[in-house]
Amino acid sequence: MIKNILFDFDGTLADTAQGIVTTLRQSFIQMGRPVPTEEAMVATIGVPLWKAFQTLGNMTDEEASQAVEIYRRLFMEYEIPNIRMFPGVAEMLEQLRERGIRMAIVTSRDRLSLDLILQNNGIDKSFETVVTVNDQLTPKPAPDMVLALLERMDIKATETLVVGDTTFDIQMGNRAGCKTCAVTWGNHSHELLLSACPNMIIDDLDSLYHELS
């Protein structure tokens, strides 16, 4: 029986792709570097920002750190205005809370930006805790971020569902011994998600609620 849900954020609860792509594009422009294709930038959503810059720009650790600082300076101007919660998210979270489901977020996003977005959309109280890139754990698809939440919340992997829109999320949950649910409205295709072997795959939020019934 599922008693706990660990949600990915970008592409799962929030439609952040356009905001991330726009801010990445502006970051590369400010650095005077070639701008990657939109497809390539979308493919990096879900990994830590520094790793995305290394992948997209073939950057050294130092260059990637500089790029992250530029991105953070541009965040409020280019990313925040383009972020939207997916329709029905707030209602779904409230329904799950009413059923006694304990919830947390596991994300490669930094804590400051996550808190800001959650508060702006009035859903911050839905989550017991979060693990972000600031926790300095081995990033997805390693299981470390989920394992940290299991320990922090004192919950069992066998009673926990990891929900995400990328193969990184599903692989992370599988490796931690949790049940996994892939959502198809995010950044990875249905076919790609199936390759990660989720326990379930859903096309809308209502399906998640009904799967737990």
N, C-alpha and C. Protein backbone atom coordinates (compact mmCIF):
# COMPACT_ATOMS: atom_id res chain seq x y z
N MET A 1 0.83 -1.20 0.00
CA MET A 1 0.00 0.00 0.00
C MET A 1 0.86 1.25 0.00
N ILE A 2 0.55 2.20 -0.87
CA ILE A 2 1.33 3.44 -0.96
C ILE A 2 0.85 4.42 0.11
N LYS A 3 1.77 4.82 0.98
CA LYS A 3 1.48 5.78 2.04
C LYS A 3 2.20 7.11 1.85
N ASN A 4 3.20 7.10 0.94
CA ASN A 4 4.04 8.29 0.76
C ASN A 4 4.33 8.50 -0.72
N ILE A 5 4.41 9.76 -1.14
CA ILE A 5 4.75 10.07 -2.52
C ILE A 5 5.87 11.11 -2.54
N LEU A 6 6.90 10.80 -3.29
CA LEU A 6 8.02 11.72 -3.50
C LEU A 6 7.93 12.22 -4.94
N PHE A 7 7.64 13.50 -5.09
CA PHE A 7 7.45 14.08 -6.41
C PHE A 7 8.72 14.76 -6.91
N ASP A 8 9.04 14.52 -8.17
CA ASP A 8 9.92 15.42 -8.91
C ASP A 8 9.15 16.72 -9.09
N PHE A 9 9.86 17.80 -9.43
CA PHE A 9 9.16 19.08 -9.57
C PHE A 9 9.04 19.52 -11.03
N ASP A 10 10.18 19.80 -11.68
CA ASP A 10 10.17 20.33 -13.05
C ASP A 10 9.63 19.29 -14.02
N GLY A 11 8.55 19.63 -14.72
CA GLY A 11 7.98 18.73 -15.70
C GLY A 11 7.00 17.73 -15.11
N THR A 12 6.92 17.69 -13.78
CA THR A 12 6.00 16.78 -13.11
C THR A 12 4.86 17.55 -12.45
N LEU A 13 5.21 18.50 -11.59
CA LEU A 13 4.22 19.36 -10.97
C LEU A 13 4.11 20.70 -11.68
N ALA A 14 5.22 21.16 -12.23
CA ALA A 14 5.24 22.49 -12.85
C ALA A 14 5.76 22.44 -14.27
N ASP A 15 5.14 23.25 -15.12
CA ASP A 15 5.57 23.40 -16.51
C ASP A 15 6.66 24.47 -16.53
N THR A 16 7.89 24.03 -16.44
CA THR A 16 9.02 24.94 -16.32
C THR A 16 9.93 24.95 -17.54
N ALA A 17 9.63 24.11 -18.52
CA ALA A 17 10.55 23.92 -19.64
C ALA A 17 10.87 25.23 -20.37
N GLN A 18 9.83 26.02 -20.70
CA GLN A 18 10.07 27.24 -21.46
C GLN A 18 10.90 28.23 -20.66
N GLY A 19 10.62 28.33 -19.37
CA GLY A 19 11.40 29.23 -18.54
C GLY A 19 12.85 28.81 -18.43
N ILE A 20 13.09 27.52 -18.29
CA ILE A 20 14.46 27.01 -18.19
C ILE A 20 15.20 27.23 -19.50
N VAL A 21 14.55 26.89 -20.61
CA VAL A 21 15.19 27.03 -21.93
C VAL A 21 15.52 28.50 -22.20
N THR A 22 14.58 29.39 -21.90
CA THR A 22 14.81 30.82 -22.13
C THR A 22 15.99 31.32 -21.31
N THR A 23 16.08 30.90 -20.06
CA THR A 23 17.16 31.35 -19.19
C THR A 23 18.50 30.73 -19.59
N LEU A 24 18.47 29.47 -20.00
CA LEU A 24 19.70 28.85 -20.52
C LEU A 24 20.19 29.59 -21.75
N ARG A 25 19.26 29.91 -22.66
CA ARG A 25 19.62 30.61 -23.89
C ARG A 25 20.30 31.95 -23.57
N GLN A 26 19.71 32.70 -22.67
CA GLN A 26 20.26 34.00 -22.31
C GLN A 26 21.61 33.86 -21.61
N SER A 27 21.78 32.79 -20.86
CA SER A 27 23.06 32.54 -20.20
C SER A 27 24.17 32.30 -21.21
N PHE A 28 23.89 31.48 -22.22
CA PHE A 28 24.89 31.22 -23.26
C PHE A 28 25.21 32.49 -24.04
N ILE A 29 24.18 33.29 -24.31
CA ILE A 29 24.39 34.55 -25.03
C ILE A 29 25.30 35.47 -24.23
N GLN A 30 25.05 35.59 -22.93
CA GLN A 30 25.87 36.48 -22.10
C GLN A 30 27.30 35.99 -21.98
N MET A 31 27.49 34.69 -22.09
CA MET A 31 28.84 34.13 -22.02
C MET A 31 29.55 34.18 -23.37
N GLY A 32 28.81 34.57 -24.42
CA GLY A 32 29.40 34.63 -25.75
C GLY A 32 29.66 33.27 -26.34
N ARG A 33 28.84 32.31 -25.97
CA ARG A 33 29.01 30.94 -26.46
C ARG A 33 27.86 30.56 -27.39
N PRO A 34 28.07 29.60 -28.27
CA PRO A 34 26.99 29.16 -29.15
C PRO A 34 25.80 28.65 -28.35
N VAL A 35 24.61 29.00 -28.76
CA VAL A 35 23.40 28.59 -28.06
C VAL A 35 23.00 27.18 -28.53
N PRO A 36 22.85 26.24 -27.62
CA PRO A 36 22.43 24.89 -28.00
C PRO A 36 21.01 24.89 -28.57
N THR A 37 20.64 23.81 -29.21
CA THR A 37 19.28 23.70 -29.72
C THR A 37 18.31 23.55 -28.54
N GLU A 38 17.06 23.93 -28.78
CA GLU A 38 16.05 23.79 -27.73
C GLU A 38 15.89 22.33 -27.32
N GLU A 39 15.94 21.44 -28.28
CA GLU A 39 15.81 20.01 -27.98
C GLU A 39 16.91 19.55 -27.03
N ALA A 40 18.14 20.00 -27.27
CA ALA A 40 19.25 19.63 -26.40
C ALA A 40 19.08 20.19 -25.00
N MET A 41 18.59 21.42 -24.92
CA MET A 41 18.40 22.04 -23.60
C MET A 41 17.30 21.33 -22.82
N VAL A 42 16.21 21.00 -23.48
CA VAL A 42 15.12 20.30 -22.81
C VAL A 42 15.59 18.94 -22.29
N ALA A 43 16.47 18.30 -23.03
CA ALA A 43 16.96 16.97 -22.65
C ALA A 43 17.76 17.00 -21.35
N THR A 44 18.26 18.16 -20.95
CA THR A 44 19.05 18.25 -19.71
C THR A 44 18.20 18.61 -18.50
N ILE A 45 16.93 18.91 -18.71
CA ILE A 45 16.07 19.25 -17.57
C ILE A 45 15.93 18.02 -16.68
N GLY A 46 16.21 18.20 -15.41
CA GLY A 46 16.17 17.08 -14.47
C GLY A 46 17.52 16.76 -13.88
N VAL A 47 18.58 17.24 -14.51
CA VAL A 47 19.92 17.08 -13.95
C VAL A 47 20.34 18.40 -13.31
N PRO A 48 21.31 18.40 -12.40
CA PRO A 48 21.75 19.66 -11.79
C PRO A 48 22.20 20.66 -12.85
N LEU A 49 22.02 21.94 -12.55
CA LEU A 49 22.29 22.99 -13.52
C LEU A 49 23.73 22.98 -14.00
N TRP A 50 24.66 22.76 -13.09
CA TRP A 50 26.07 22.76 -13.48
C TRP A 50 26.36 21.63 -14.47
N LYS A 51 25.69 20.49 -14.26
CA LYS A 51 25.88 19.36 -15.17
C LYS A 51 25.27 19.65 -16.53
N ALA A 52 24.13 20.36 -16.52
CA ALA A 52 23.50 20.74 -17.79
C ALA A 52 24.43 21.62 -18.61
N PHE A 53 25.06 22.60 -17.96
CA PHE A 53 25.99 23.47 -18.68
C PHE A 53 27.21 22.70 -19.19
N GLN A 54 27.70 21.78 -18.40
CA GLN A 54 28.84 20.97 -18.86
C GLN A 54 28.45 20.16 -20.09
N THR A 55 27.27 19.59 -20.06
CA THR A 55 26.81 18.77 -21.18
C THR A 55 26.55 19.60 -22.42
N LEU A 56 25.88 20.73 -22.25
CA LEU A 56 25.47 21.56 -23.38
C LEU A 56 26.61 22.36 -23.98
N GLY A 57 27.54 22.80 -23.12
CA GLY A 57 28.59 23.70 -23.58
C GLY A 57 29.99 23.14 -23.53
N ASN A 58 30.08 21.83 -23.20
CA ASN A 58 31.40 21.20 -23.08
C ASN A 58 32.31 22.05 -22.18
N MET A 59 31.78 22.42 -21.02
CA MET A 59 32.48 23.34 -20.12
C MET A 59 33.29 22.60 -19.06
N THR A 60 34.34 23.27 -18.58
CA THR A 60 35.09 22.78 -17.43
C THR A 60 34.25 23.03 -16.17
N ASP A 61 34.70 22.49 -15.05
CA ASP A 61 33.99 22.71 -13.78
C ASP A 61 33.92 24.21 -13.47
N GLU A 62 35.01 24.92 -13.69
CA GLU A 62 35.04 26.35 -13.39
C GLU A 62 34.10 27.12 -14.32
N GLU A 63 34.12 26.78 -15.59
CA GLU A 63 33.23 27.46 -16.54
C GLU A 63 31.76 27.19 -16.22
N ALA A 64 31.47 25.95 -15.83
CA ALA A 64 30.09 25.59 -15.49
C ALA A 64 29.63 26.35 -14.24
N SER A 65 30.52 26.52 -13.28
CA SER A 65 30.18 27.28 -12.07
C SER A 65 29.88 28.73 -12.41
N GLN A 66 30.66 29.30 -13.33
CA GLN A 66 30.41 30.68 -13.77
C GLN A 66 29.07 30.78 -14.49
N ALA A 67 28.78 29.78 -15.29
CA ALA A 67 27.52 29.77 -16.03
C ALA A 67 26.33 29.69 -15.08
N VAL A 68 26.46 28.89 -14.02
CA VAL A 68 25.39 28.77 -13.03
C VAL A 68 25.13 30.12 -12.36
N GLU A 69 26.19 30.85 -12.06
CA GLU A 69 26.03 32.16 -11.43
C GLU A 69 25.30 33.13 -12.37
N ILE A 70 25.64 33.07 -13.63
CA ILE A 70 24.95 33.93 -14.61
C ILE A 70 23.48 33.54 -14.68
N TYR A 71 23.21 32.25 -14.72
CA TYR A 71 21.82 31.76 -14.78
C TYR A 71 21.03 32.28 -13.59
N ARG A 72 21.62 32.20 -12.42
CA ARG A 72 20.92 32.63 -11.21
C ARG A 72 20.62 34.12 -11.22
N ARG A 73 21.49 34.90 -11.84
CA ARG A 73 21.23 36.34 -11.94
C ARG A 73 20.07 36.62 -12.90
N LEU A 74 19.90 35.73 -13.88
CA LEU A 74 18.85 35.92 -14.90
C LEU A 74 17.53 35.27 -14.51
N PHE A 75 17.56 34.44 -13.47
CA PHE A 75 16.42 33.62 -13.09
C PHE A 75 15.12 34.40 -12.91
N MET A 76 15.18 35.48 -12.15
CA MET A 76 13.96 36.24 -11.85
C MET A 76 13.38 36.89 -13.10
N GLU A 77 14.24 37.29 -14.01
CA GLU A 77 13.77 37.98 -15.21
C GLU A 77 13.22 37.04 -16.27
N TYR A 78 13.89 35.90 -16.46
CA TYR A 78 13.53 35.05 -17.59
C TYR A 78 12.81 33.75 -17.21
N GLU A 79 13.12 33.18 -16.04
CA GLU A 79 12.50 31.89 -15.72
C GLU A 79 11.18 32.04 -14.97
N ILE A 80 11.20 32.79 -13.88
CA ILE A 80 10.01 32.91 -13.03
C ILE A 80 8.76 33.32 -13.82
N PRO A 81 8.82 34.31 -14.73
CA PRO A 81 7.58 34.70 -15.44
C PRO A 81 7.02 33.61 -16.34
N ASN A 82 7.82 32.62 -16.67
CA ASN A 82 7.39 31.57 -17.60
C ASN A 82 7.01 30.26 -16.91
N ILE A 83 6.96 30.24 -15.58
CA ILE A 83 6.65 29.01 -14.85
C ILE A 83 5.16 28.94 -14.53
N ARG A 84 4.56 27.81 -14.80
CA ARG A 84 3.16 27.58 -14.50
C ARG A 84 3.01 26.19 -13.88
N MET A 85 2.18 26.10 -12.84
CA MET A 85 1.83 24.78 -12.34
C MET A 85 0.93 24.10 -13.36
N PHE A 86 1.08 22.81 -13.54
CA PHE A 86 0.19 22.09 -14.44
C PHE A 86 -1.24 22.15 -13.89
N PRO A 87 -2.24 22.22 -14.76
CA PRO A 87 -3.62 22.28 -14.31
C PRO A 87 -3.99 21.12 -13.39
N GLY A 88 -4.64 21.44 -12.30
CA GLY A 88 -5.11 20.41 -11.38
C GLY A 88 -4.14 19.99 -10.31
N VAL A 89 -2.91 20.53 -10.33
CA VAL A 89 -1.90 20.12 -9.35
C VAL A 89 -2.33 20.45 -7.93
N ALA A 90 -2.74 21.68 -7.68
CA ALA A 90 -3.12 22.08 -6.32
C ALA A 90 -4.26 21.22 -5.79
N GLU A 91 -5.25 20.96 -6.64
CA GLU A 91 -6.39 20.15 -6.23
C GLU A 91 -5.97 18.71 -5.92
N MET A 92 -5.10 18.16 -6.75
CA MET A 92 -4.64 16.80 -6.54
C MET A 92 -3.87 16.70 -5.22
N LEU A 93 -3.00 17.66 -4.95
CA LEU A 93 -2.22 17.64 -3.72
C LEU A 93 -3.12 17.71 -2.50
N GLU A 94 -4.15 18.53 -2.58
CA GLU A 94 -5.09 18.64 -1.47
C GLU A 94 -5.84 17.32 -1.25
N GLN A 95 -6.24 16.67 -2.32
CA GLN A 95 -6.92 15.38 -2.20
C GLN A 95 -6.02 14.34 -1.54
N LEU A 96 -4.76 14.34 -1.95
CA LEU A 96 -3.81 13.38 -1.38
C LEU A 96 -3.58 13.66 0.10
N ARG A 97 -3.48 14.94 0.46
CA ARG A 97 -3.32 15.30 1.87
C ARG A 97 -4.51 14.83 2.69
N GLU A 98 -5.70 14.99 2.15
CA GLU A 98 -6.92 14.58 2.85
C GLU A 98 -6.96 13.07 3.06
N ARG A 99 -6.30 12.34 2.20
CA ARG A 99 -6.23 10.88 2.34
C ARG A 99 -5.12 10.44 3.28
N GLY A 100 -4.34 11.40 3.78
CA GLY A 100 -3.27 11.07 4.71
C GLY A 100 -1.96 10.67 4.04
N ILE A 101 -1.84 10.92 2.74
CA ILE A 101 -0.60 10.62 2.03
C ILE A 101 0.46 11.65 2.43
N ARG A 102 1.62 11.17 2.86
CA ARG A 102 2.74 12.06 3.18
C ARG A 102 3.50 12.35 1.89
N MET A 103 3.86 13.61 1.68
CA MET A 103 4.47 14.01 0.41
C MET A 103 5.73 14.84 0.61
N ALA A 104 6.65 14.68 -0.33
CA ALA A 104 7.88 15.46 -0.33
C ALA A 104 8.29 15.68 -1.78
N ILE A 105 9.27 16.55 -1.98
CA ILE A 105 9.80 16.83 -3.32
C ILE A 105 11.26 16.42 -3.38
N VAL A 106 11.63 15.78 -4.48
CA VAL A 106 13.02 15.44 -4.75
C VAL A 106 13.38 16.04 -6.10
N THR A 107 14.26 17.05 -6.11
CA THR A 107 14.50 17.83 -7.31
C THR A 107 15.96 18.22 -7.47
N SER A 108 16.37 18.39 -8.71
CA SER A 108 17.71 18.88 -9.01
C SER A 108 17.77 20.41 -8.99
N ARG A 109 16.62 21.04 -8.77
CA ARG A 109 16.54 22.49 -8.66
C ARG A 109 17.14 22.93 -7.32
N ASP A 110 17.59 24.20 -7.23
CA ASP A 110 18.12 24.70 -5.96
C ASP A 110 16.98 25.08 -5.03
N ARG A 111 17.28 25.10 -3.74
CA ARG A 111 16.24 25.29 -2.71
C ARG A 111 15.59 26.68 -2.80
N LEU A 112 16.38 27.70 -3.06
CA LEU A 112 15.84 29.06 -3.10
C LEU A 112 14.76 29.20 -4.17
N SER A 113 15.05 28.74 -5.38
CA SER A 113 14.08 28.87 -6.46
C SER A 113 12.87 27.99 -6.22
N LEU A 114 13.09 26.78 -5.68
CA LEU A 114 11.96 25.88 -5.40
C LEU A 114 11.02 26.51 -4.38
N ASP A 115 11.57 27.02 -3.28
CA ASP A 115 10.73 27.63 -2.25
C ASP A 115 9.93 28.80 -2.81
N LEU A 116 10.57 29.59 -3.64
CA LEU A 116 9.91 30.76 -4.22
C LEU A 116 8.71 30.34 -5.08
N ILE A 117 8.91 29.33 -5.92
CA ILE A 117 7.84 28.88 -6.82
C ILE A 117 6.71 28.23 -6.02
N LEU A 118 7.06 27.42 -5.04
CA LEU A 118 6.02 26.77 -4.22
C LEU A 118 5.17 27.80 -3.49
N GLN A 119 5.84 28.79 -2.91
CA GLN A 119 5.11 29.83 -2.17
C GLN A 119 4.26 30.68 -3.10
N ASN A 120 4.81 31.03 -4.28
CA ASN A 120 4.06 31.84 -5.24
C ASN A 120 2.78 31.15 -5.69
N ASN A 121 2.80 29.82 -5.68
CA ASN A 121 1.63 29.06 -6.15
C ASN A 121 0.80 28.47 -5.01
N GLY A 122 1.16 28.80 -3.78
CA GLY A 122 0.36 28.40 -2.63
C GLY A 122 0.32 26.91 -2.34
N ILE A 123 1.36 26.18 -2.71
CA ILE A 123 1.36 24.73 -2.47
C ILE A 123 2.50 24.28 -1.55
N ASP A 124 3.19 25.22 -0.96
CA ASP A 124 4.35 24.89 -0.13
C ASP A 124 3.97 24.04 1.09
N LYS A 125 2.75 24.20 1.62
CA LYS A 125 2.32 23.47 2.80
C LYS A 125 1.97 22.01 2.50
N SER A 126 1.92 21.67 1.22
CA SER A 126 1.57 20.30 0.84
C SER A 126 2.70 19.32 1.12
N PHE A 127 3.92 19.83 1.26
CA PHE A 127 5.07 18.95 1.32
C PHE A 127 5.75 18.99 2.69
N GLU A 128 5.99 17.81 3.20
CA GLU A 128 6.61 17.66 4.52
C GLU A 128 8.05 18.14 4.51
N THR A 129 8.75 17.86 3.43
CA THR A 129 10.16 18.24 3.32
C THR A 129 10.56 18.18 1.85
N VAL A 130 11.76 18.63 1.54
CA VAL A 130 12.27 18.57 0.18
C VAL A 130 13.76 18.20 0.21
N VAL A 131 14.21 17.59 -0.85
CA VAL A 131 15.64 17.41 -1.11
C VAL A 131 15.95 18.08 -2.43
N THR A 132 16.97 18.94 -2.42
CA THR A 132 17.35 19.70 -3.61
C THR A 132 18.83 19.52 -3.88
N VAL A 133 19.31 20.20 -4.90
CA VAL A 133 20.72 20.14 -5.24
C VAL A 133 21.57 20.68 -4.09
N ASN A 134 21.00 21.54 -3.25
CA ASN A 134 21.74 22.11 -2.13
C ASN A 134 22.11 21.08 -1.07
N ASP A 135 21.44 19.93 -1.08
CA ASP A 135 21.79 18.88 -0.13
C ASP A 135 23.09 18.17 -0.50
N GLN A 136 23.59 18.47 -1.70
CA GLN A 136 24.91 17.98 -2.15
C GLN A 136 25.01 16.45 -2.12
N LEU A 137 23.94 15.83 -2.56
CA LEU A 137 23.94 14.37 -2.70
C LEU A 137 24.23 14.00 -4.15
N THR A 138 24.62 12.76 -4.37
CA THR A 138 24.84 12.30 -5.73
C THR A 138 23.55 12.47 -6.52
N PRO A 139 23.62 13.16 -7.67
CA PRO A 139 22.39 13.51 -8.40
C PRO A 139 21.71 12.31 -9.04
N LYS A 140 20.47 12.54 -9.45
CA LYS A 140 19.73 11.56 -10.25
C LYS A 140 20.58 11.14 -11.45
N PRO A 141 20.54 9.89 -11.85
CA PRO A 141 19.62 8.82 -11.45
C PRO A 141 20.09 7.97 -10.27
N ALA A 142 21.15 8.40 -9.56
CA ALA A 142 21.55 7.69 -8.35
C ALA A 142 20.41 7.74 -7.34
N PRO A 143 20.31 6.76 -6.44
CA PRO A 143 19.20 6.71 -5.49
C PRO A 143 19.36 7.60 -4.27
N ASP A 144 20.50 8.28 -4.14
CA ASP A 144 20.86 8.94 -2.88
C ASP A 144 19.83 9.96 -2.40
N MET A 145 19.24 10.74 -3.31
CA MET A 145 18.29 11.77 -2.90
C MET A 145 17.02 11.14 -2.32
N VAL A 146 16.56 10.08 -2.92
CA VAL A 146 15.39 9.37 -2.39
C VAL A 146 15.73 8.69 -1.07
N LEU A 147 16.88 8.06 -1.00
CA LEU A 147 17.28 7.39 0.24
C LEU A 147 17.36 8.38 1.40
N ALA A 148 17.81 9.60 1.10
CA ALA A 148 17.89 10.63 2.14
C ALA A 148 16.50 10.99 2.64
N LEU A 149 15.51 11.06 1.74
CA LEU A 149 14.14 11.37 2.14
C LEU A 149 13.53 10.22 2.94
N LEU A 150 13.79 9.01 2.53
CA LEU A 150 13.27 7.86 3.26
C LEU A 150 13.76 7.88 4.71
N GLU A 151 15.04 8.20 4.88
CA GLU A 151 15.62 8.25 6.22
C GLU A 151 15.07 9.45 7.01
N ARG A 152 15.02 10.60 6.37
CA ARG A 152 14.56 11.81 7.04
C ARG A 152 13.11 11.70 7.49
N MET A 153 12.27 11.09 6.64
CA MET A 153 10.84 10.97 6.94
C MET A 153 10.51 9.71 7.73
N ASP A 154 11.51 8.83 7.89
CA ASP A 154 11.35 7.56 8.58
C ASP A 154 10.21 6.76 7.93
N ILE A 155 10.33 6.55 6.64
CA ILE A 155 9.32 5.82 5.88
C ILE A 155 9.97 4.66 5.13
N LYS A 156 9.15 3.70 4.72
CA LYS A 156 9.65 2.51 4.04
C LYS A 156 9.60 2.69 2.52
N ALA A 157 10.62 2.20 1.85
CA ALA A 157 10.67 2.27 0.39
C ALA A 157 9.49 1.53 -0.23
N THR A 158 9.09 0.41 0.38
CA THR A 158 8.02 -0.42 -0.18
C THR A 158 6.65 0.26 -0.08
N GLU A 159 6.55 1.32 0.73
CA GLU A 159 5.30 2.06 0.88
C GLU A 159 5.37 3.44 0.23
N THR A 160 6.40 3.63 -0.60
CA THR A 160 6.67 4.95 -1.17
C THR A 160 6.67 4.90 -2.68
N LEU A 161 6.03 5.90 -3.29
CA LEU A 161 5.96 6.04 -4.74
C LEU A 161 6.77 7.26 -5.16
N VAL A 162 7.67 7.07 -6.11
CA VAL A 162 8.43 8.18 -6.70
C VAL A 162 7.77 8.53 -8.04
N VAL A 163 7.39 9.79 -8.20
CA VAL A 163 6.68 10.24 -9.40
C VAL A 163 7.55 11.25 -10.15
N GLY A 164 7.77 11.00 -11.44
CA GLY A 164 8.59 11.92 -12.21
C GLY A 164 8.34 11.82 -13.70
N ASP A 165 8.90 12.79 -14.42
CA ASP A 165 8.65 12.88 -15.87
C ASP A 165 9.86 12.48 -16.70
N THR A 166 10.95 12.06 -16.05
CA THR A 166 12.14 11.69 -16.81
C THR A 166 12.64 10.30 -16.40
N THR A 167 13.44 9.72 -17.25
CA THR A 167 14.06 8.43 -16.91
C THR A 167 14.94 8.56 -15.68
N PHE A 168 15.54 9.75 -15.46
CA PHE A 168 16.38 9.96 -14.28
C PHE A 168 15.57 9.72 -13.01
N ASP A 169 14.34 10.23 -12.99
CA ASP A 169 13.47 10.07 -11.82
C ASP A 169 13.12 8.61 -11.58
N ILE A 170 12.73 7.94 -12.65
CA ILE A 170 12.30 6.55 -12.53
C ILE A 170 13.46 5.65 -12.12
N GLN A 171 14.61 5.85 -12.73
CA GLN A 171 15.79 5.05 -12.36
C GLN A 171 16.18 5.30 -10.91
N MET A 172 16.10 6.54 -10.47
CA MET A 172 16.41 6.90 -9.08
C MET A 172 15.48 6.16 -8.13
N GLY A 173 14.17 6.21 -8.41
CA GLY A 173 13.21 5.54 -7.54
C GLY A 173 13.38 4.03 -7.54
N ASN A 174 13.59 3.46 -8.71
CA ASN A 174 13.79 2.01 -8.80
C ASN A 174 15.00 1.56 -8.00
N ARG A 175 16.09 2.32 -8.12
CA ARG A 175 17.32 1.95 -7.42
C ARG A 175 17.21 2.10 -5.91
N ALA A 176 16.26 2.93 -5.47
CA ALA A 176 16.05 3.11 -4.03
C ALA A 176 15.07 2.07 -3.48
N GLY A 177 14.51 1.24 -4.35
CA GLY A 177 13.59 0.21 -3.92
C GLY A 177 12.16 0.66 -3.78
N CYS A 178 11.83 1.82 -4.34
CA CYS A 178 10.47 2.36 -4.27
C CYS A 178 9.65 1.92 -5.48
N LYS A 179 8.35 2.08 -5.39
CA LYS A 179 7.50 2.00 -6.56
C LYS A 179 7.70 3.28 -7.37
N THR A 180 7.50 3.20 -8.68
CA THR A 180 7.73 4.38 -9.51
C THR A 180 6.57 4.62 -10.47
N CYS A 181 6.31 5.89 -10.71
CA CYS A 181 5.23 6.32 -11.62
C CYS A 181 5.78 7.36 -12.57
N ALA A 182 5.74 7.08 -13.86
CA ALA A 182 6.18 8.04 -14.87
C ALA A 182 4.99 8.82 -15.40
N VAL A 183 5.17 10.13 -15.57
CA VAL A 183 4.11 10.97 -16.13
C VAL A 183 4.52 11.41 -17.53
N THR A 184 3.56 11.43 -18.44
CA THR A 184 3.88 11.64 -19.86
C THR A 184 3.77 13.09 -20.31
N TRP A 185 3.38 14.00 -19.41
CA TRP A 185 3.18 15.40 -19.83
C TRP A 185 4.42 16.26 -19.63
N GLY A 186 5.54 15.64 -19.27
CA GLY A 186 6.75 16.40 -18.99
C GLY A 186 7.76 16.40 -20.11
N ASN A 187 9.03 16.15 -19.77
CA ASN A 187 10.13 16.38 -20.69
C ASN A 187 10.65 15.14 -21.42
N HIS A 188 10.22 13.94 -21.02
CA HIS A 188 10.64 12.73 -21.73
C HIS A 188 9.43 12.06 -22.37
N SER A 189 9.65 11.45 -23.50
CA SER A 189 8.56 10.82 -24.25
C SER A 189 8.08 9.54 -23.57
N HIS A 190 6.89 9.12 -23.96
CA HIS A 190 6.31 7.88 -23.45
C HIS A 190 7.24 6.70 -23.70
N GLU A 191 7.78 6.64 -24.90
CA GLU A 191 8.68 5.54 -25.26
C GLU A 191 9.93 5.54 -24.40
N LEU A 192 10.52 6.72 -24.20
CA LEU A 192 11.73 6.81 -23.39
C LEU A 192 11.45 6.45 -21.94
N LEU A 193 10.32 6.90 -21.43
CA LEU A 193 9.96 6.58 -20.05
C LEU A 193 9.79 5.08 -19.85
N LEU A 194 9.20 4.42 -20.81
CA LEU A 194 9.00 2.97 -20.71
C LEU A 194 10.34 2.23 -20.61
N SER A 195 11.37 2.79 -21.22
CA SER A 195 12.69 2.15 -21.19
C SER A 195 13.28 2.11 -19.78
N ALA A 196 12.77 2.97 -18.89
CA ALA A 196 13.27 3.01 -17.51
C ALA A 196 12.51 2.06 -16.59
N CYS A 197 11.50 1.39 -17.13
CA CYS A 197 10.72 0.36 -16.41
C CYS A 197 10.00 0.89 -15.17
N PRO A 198 9.13 1.89 -15.33
CA PRO A 198 8.33 2.35 -14.19
C PRO A 198 7.28 1.31 -13.83
N ASN A 199 6.81 1.33 -12.60
CA ASN A 199 5.73 0.43 -12.21
C ASN A 199 4.41 0.83 -12.83
N MET A 200 4.26 2.12 -13.10
CA MET A 200 3.06 2.61 -13.78
C MET A 200 3.43 3.84 -14.60
N ILE A 201 2.63 4.12 -15.61
CA ILE A 201 2.83 5.31 -16.43
C ILE A 201 1.45 5.93 -16.67
N ILE A 202 1.34 7.24 -16.44
CA ILE A 202 0.03 7.89 -16.51
C ILE A 202 0.07 9.10 -17.43
N ASP A 203 -1.09 9.43 -17.96
CA ASP A 203 -1.21 10.53 -18.91
C ASP A 203 -1.89 11.76 -18.32
N ASP A 204 -2.43 11.66 -17.11
CA ASP A 204 -3.08 12.81 -16.48
C ASP A 204 -3.06 12.64 -14.97
N LEU A 205 -3.28 13.76 -14.24
CA LEU A 205 -3.20 13.75 -12.79
C LEU A 205 -4.30 12.91 -12.15
N ASP A 206 -5.48 12.90 -12.74
CA ASP A 206 -6.58 12.10 -12.18
C ASP A 206 -6.19 10.63 -12.09
N SER A 207 -5.41 10.18 -13.06
CA SER A 207 -5.01 8.77 -13.07
C SER A 207 -4.15 8.43 -11.86
N LEU A 208 -3.32 9.38 -11.42
CA LEU A 208 -2.48 9.12 -10.25
C LEU A 208 -3.35 8.89 -9.02
N TYR A 209 -4.31 9.75 -8.84
CA TYR A 209 -5.21 9.63 -7.68
C TYR A 209 -5.97 8.30 -7.73
N HIS A 210 -6.44 7.93 -8.90
CA HIS A 210 -7.21 6.71 -9.03
C HIS A 210 -6.34 5.46 -8.88
N GLU A 211 -5.07 5.54 -9.29
CA GLU A 211 -4.16 4.40 -9.13
C GLU A 211 -3.95 4.07 -7.67
N LEU A 212 -4.08 5.08 -6.80
CA LEU A 212 -3.86 4.87 -5.37
C LEU A 212 -5.13 4.43 -4.66
N SER A 213 -6.24 4.42 -5.36
CA SER A 213 -7.53 4.08 -4.73
C SER A 213 -7.64 2.58 -4.47
